Protein backbone atom coordinates (compact mmCIF):
# COMPACT_ATOMS: atom_id res chain seq x y z
CA UNK A 1 -34.12 94.66 -60.78
CA UNK A 2 -30.60 93.26 -60.76
CA UNK A 3 -29.08 92.72 -57.32
CA UNK A 4 -25.58 92.46 -55.93
CA UNK A 5 -24.59 90.75 -52.70
CA UNK A 6 -22.33 92.75 -50.39
CA UNK A 7 -20.76 92.03 -47.04
CA UNK A 8 -21.28 94.60 -44.30
CA UNK A 9 -19.48 94.38 -40.99
CA UNK A 10 -21.53 93.96 -37.82
CA UNK A 11 -20.26 97.34 -36.64
CA UNK A 12 -21.71 99.06 -39.70
CA UNK A 13 -24.99 97.14 -39.43
CA UNK A 14 -25.21 98.21 -35.78
CA UNK A 15 -24.69 101.86 -36.71
CA UNK A 16 -27.28 101.62 -39.48
CA UNK A 17 -29.96 101.02 -36.83
CA UNK A 18 -30.27 104.78 -36.30
CA UNK A 19 -31.09 105.34 -39.99
CA UNK A 20 -34.73 105.28 -41.13
CA UNK A 21 -35.71 102.23 -43.14
CA UNK A 22 -37.19 98.77 -42.73
CA UNK A 23 -34.25 96.98 -44.35
CA UNK A 24 -30.52 97.50 -44.86
CA UNK A 25 -31.26 98.36 -48.48
CA UNK A 26 -33.86 100.97 -47.50
CA UNK A 27 -31.43 102.43 -44.96
CA UNK A 28 -28.71 102.70 -47.62
CA UNK A 29 -31.13 104.37 -50.02
CA UNK A 30 -32.01 106.89 -47.30
CA UNK A 31 -28.31 107.57 -46.67
CA UNK A 32 -27.72 108.07 -50.40
CA UNK A 33 -30.69 110.41 -50.60
CA UNK A 34 -29.41 112.50 -47.69
CA UNK A 35 -25.94 112.67 -49.24
CA UNK A 36 -27.33 113.75 -52.60
CA UNK A 37 -29.57 116.37 -50.99
CA UNK A 38 -26.56 117.71 -49.10
CA UNK A 39 -24.55 118.01 -52.33
CA UNK A 40 -27.51 119.62 -54.06
CA UNK A 41 -27.88 122.20 -51.29
CA UNK A 42 -24.18 123.01 -51.51
CA UNK A 43 -24.49 123.64 -55.26
CA UNK A 44 -27.58 125.77 -54.74
CA UNK A 45 -25.76 127.85 -52.12
CA UNK A 46 -22.98 128.62 -54.61
CA UNK A 47 -25.52 129.37 -57.35
CA UNK A 48 -27.42 131.72 -55.02
CA UNK A 49 -24.18 133.57 -54.25
CA UNK A 50 -23.60 134.20 -57.96
CA UNK A 51 -27.24 135.16 -58.55
CA UNK A 52 -26.98 137.64 -55.69
CA UNK A 53 -23.62 138.98 -56.85
CA UNK A 54 -24.78 139.57 -60.43
CA UNK A 55 -28.47 140.23 -59.72
CA UNK A 56 -29.72 137.68 -62.26
CA UNK A 57 -30.09 134.00 -63.05
CA UNK A 58 -27.39 132.03 -64.81
CA UNK A 59 -29.48 131.93 -67.99
CA UNK A 60 -29.74 135.74 -68.02
CA UNK A 61 -26.03 136.02 -67.25
CA UNK A 62 -25.08 133.76 -70.19
CA UNK A 63 -27.22 135.81 -72.59
CA UNK A 64 -25.60 139.05 -71.45
CA UNK A 65 -22.17 137.37 -71.48
CA UNK A 66 -22.70 136.39 -75.10
CA UNK A 67 -23.63 139.99 -75.94
CA UNK A 68 -20.57 141.29 -74.04
CA UNK A 69 -22.87 143.17 -71.68
CA UNK A 70 -21.29 141.92 -68.46
CA UNK A 71 -19.21 144.59 -66.78
CA UNK A 72 -15.51 143.66 -66.76
CA UNK A 73 -16.29 140.53 -68.80
CA UNK A 74 -12.64 139.77 -69.45
CA UNK A 75 -11.43 140.25 -65.90
CA UNK A 76 -10.06 137.19 -64.14
CA UNK A 77 -12.86 137.40 -61.56
CA UNK A 78 -15.68 137.57 -64.12
CA UNK A 79 -14.28 134.74 -66.22
CA UNK A 80 -13.73 132.57 -63.14
CA UNK A 81 -17.24 133.33 -61.89
CA UNK A 82 -18.70 132.41 -65.28
CA UNK A 83 -16.88 129.06 -65.38
CA UNK A 84 -17.63 128.19 -61.75
CA UNK A 85 -21.28 129.23 -62.05
CA UNK A 86 -21.66 127.06 -65.14
CA UNK A 87 -19.98 124.18 -63.33
CA UNK A 88 -22.35 124.45 -60.37
CA UNK A 89 -25.33 124.57 -62.75
CA UNK A 90 -24.19 121.31 -64.37
CA UNK A 91 -23.41 119.73 -61.01
CA UNK A 92 -26.84 120.74 -59.70
CA UNK A 93 -28.49 119.06 -62.69
CA UNK A 94 -26.40 115.92 -62.11
CA UNK A 95 -27.47 115.71 -58.45
CA UNK A 96 -31.13 116.38 -59.34
CA UNK A 97 -31.04 113.58 -61.91
CA UNK A 98 -29.52 111.20 -59.37
CA UNK A 99 -32.14 112.17 -56.78
CA UNK A 100 -34.98 111.55 -59.24
CA UNK A 101 -33.49 108.18 -60.19
CA UNK A 102 -33.10 107.27 -56.53
CA UNK A 103 -36.72 108.20 -55.79
CA UNK A 104 -37.85 105.96 -58.66
CA UNK A 105 -35.63 103.17 -57.33
CA UNK A 106 -36.87 103.65 -53.77
CA UNK A 107 -40.46 102.94 -54.79
CA UNK A 108 -39.41 99.43 -55.83
CA UNK A 109 -37.75 98.58 -52.49
């Protein structure tokens, strides 16, 4: 594994003491993990709102969208929802990928 040397102020090191981990690196990994999980939960909250609003998963929605079976498909609200929902789906996948990579990395610390 390639490493990089960084300088961390004493104040930051002192505050890192409350974070779980046996080393500064482990503490930073734990902070990253918590940040990623927080972002992931935020995406999932938005996705759940759309699933509740439309009564289906995004995959089902896209199929019906393609068949023009979504009520008021061309309304500003429906089009915005479709774009935002798709964006949150992609963002969720991005955060999941980062979390998986971080878990793999963490095992080598």
